[in-house]
N, C-alpha and C. Protein backbone atom coordinates (compact mmCIF):
# COMPACT_ATOMS: atom_id res chain seq x y z
N MET A 1 11.62 -64.76 63.95
CA MET A 1 12.23 -63.44 63.90
C MET A 1 11.18 -62.41 63.48
N SER A 2 11.08 -61.34 64.21
CA SER A 2 10.08 -60.32 63.89
C SER A 2 10.66 -59.28 62.94
N ILE A 3 9.77 -58.63 62.23
CA ILE A 3 10.18 -57.58 61.29
C ILE A 3 10.29 -56.26 62.03
N ALA A 4 11.43 -55.61 61.90
CA ALA A 4 11.65 -54.33 62.57
C ALA A 4 10.84 -53.24 61.88
N LYS A 5 10.31 -52.32 62.66
CA LYS A 5 9.56 -51.20 62.09
C LYS A 5 10.54 -50.19 61.53
N LEU A 6 10.32 -49.83 60.27
CA LEU A 6 11.16 -48.82 59.64
C LEU A 6 10.44 -47.48 59.73
N HIS A 7 11.16 -46.45 60.08
CA HIS A 7 10.57 -45.14 60.28
C HIS A 7 10.74 -44.24 59.07
N VAL A 8 10.93 -44.83 57.91
CA VAL A 8 11.03 -44.06 56.67
C VAL A 8 10.01 -44.59 55.69
N LYS A 9 9.58 -43.72 54.80
CA LYS A 9 8.59 -44.08 53.78
C LYS A 9 9.14 -43.72 52.41
N LYS A 10 8.50 -44.21 51.38
CA LYS A 10 8.88 -43.90 50.02
C LYS A 10 8.85 -42.38 49.83
N ASN A 11 9.81 -41.86 49.11
CA ASN A 11 9.99 -40.43 48.79
C ASN A 11 10.55 -39.61 49.94
N ASP A 12 10.86 -40.21 51.09
CA ASP A 12 11.55 -39.48 52.17
C ASP A 12 12.99 -39.22 51.74
N MET A 13 13.56 -38.10 52.19
CA MET A 13 14.97 -37.81 51.96
C MET A 13 15.76 -38.40 53.12
N VAL A 14 16.79 -39.19 52.81
CA VAL A 14 17.59 -39.85 53.84
C VAL A 14 19.08 -39.66 53.55
N LYS A 15 19.90 -39.87 54.58
CA LYS A 15 21.35 -39.80 54.45
C LYS A 15 21.91 -41.20 54.60
N VAL A 16 22.80 -41.60 53.70
CA VAL A 16 23.41 -42.93 53.73
C VAL A 16 24.43 -42.98 54.86
N THR A 17 24.33 -44.02 55.72
CA THR A 17 25.21 -44.12 56.89
C THR A 17 26.23 -45.24 56.77
N ALA A 18 26.16 -46.06 55.71
CA ALA A 18 27.10 -47.17 55.57
C ALA A 18 27.34 -47.46 54.09
N GLY A 19 28.48 -48.06 53.80
CA GLY A 19 28.80 -48.44 52.43
C GLY A 19 29.60 -47.39 51.70
N LYS A 20 29.85 -47.65 50.42
CA LYS A 20 30.70 -46.75 49.65
C LYS A 20 30.04 -45.41 49.35
N GLU A 21 28.74 -45.31 49.49
CA GLU A 21 28.02 -44.05 49.26
C GLU A 21 27.77 -43.29 50.57
N GLN A 22 28.47 -43.67 51.62
CA GLN A 22 28.28 -43.07 52.95
C GLN A 22 28.42 -41.56 52.90
N GLY A 23 27.48 -40.87 53.56
CA GLY A 23 27.50 -39.42 53.64
C GLY A 23 26.64 -38.73 52.60
N LYS A 24 26.25 -39.45 51.56
CA LYS A 24 25.42 -38.86 50.52
C LYS A 24 23.96 -38.89 50.95
N THR A 25 23.15 -38.03 50.34
CA THR A 25 21.72 -38.01 50.62
C THR A 25 20.97 -38.42 49.35
N GLY A 26 19.76 -38.93 49.56
CA GLY A 26 18.95 -39.34 48.43
C GLY A 26 17.53 -39.62 48.84
N LYS A 27 16.68 -39.89 47.85
CA LYS A 27 15.27 -40.14 48.08
C LYS A 27 15.02 -41.65 48.13
N VAL A 28 14.19 -42.09 49.06
CA VAL A 28 13.86 -43.52 49.19
C VAL A 28 13.00 -43.93 48.00
N LEU A 29 13.46 -44.96 47.27
CA LEU A 29 12.73 -45.48 46.12
C LEU A 29 11.89 -46.69 46.49
N ARG A 30 12.43 -47.57 47.34
CA ARG A 30 11.72 -48.78 47.78
C ARG A 30 12.05 -49.05 49.22
N VAL A 31 11.08 -49.65 49.94
CA VAL A 31 11.29 -50.07 51.32
C VAL A 31 11.20 -51.59 51.34
N LEU A 32 12.21 -52.25 51.96
CA LEU A 32 12.24 -53.71 52.07
C LEU A 32 12.18 -54.09 53.54
N PRO A 33 10.97 -54.12 54.14
CA PRO A 33 10.85 -54.35 55.57
C PRO A 33 11.33 -55.73 56.00
N GLY A 34 11.24 -56.73 55.15
CA GLY A 34 11.70 -58.07 55.49
C GLY A 34 13.20 -58.13 55.73
N LYS A 35 13.94 -57.28 55.03
CA LYS A 35 15.40 -57.23 55.18
C LYS A 35 15.84 -56.05 56.03
N GLY A 36 14.91 -55.18 56.40
CA GLY A 36 15.27 -54.00 57.19
C GLY A 36 16.08 -53.00 56.40
N ARG A 37 15.81 -52.90 55.10
CA ARG A 37 16.59 -52.02 54.23
C ARG A 37 15.68 -51.14 53.39
N VAL A 38 16.28 -50.09 52.85
CA VAL A 38 15.59 -49.25 51.88
C VAL A 38 16.50 -49.07 50.67
N VAL A 39 15.91 -48.82 49.51
CA VAL A 39 16.66 -48.53 48.30
C VAL A 39 16.58 -47.04 48.08
N VAL A 40 17.78 -46.40 47.97
CA VAL A 40 17.85 -44.94 47.83
C VAL A 40 18.24 -44.61 46.41
């Protein structure tokens, strides 16, 4: 399985698109490329 390229970097402002925080915006704290996720 290949690692997907994430187009966001640490300190980017992003909008949450899923989960209980959906619709909120925040700053990226960590990028987890192995899981295809970021921590906001």
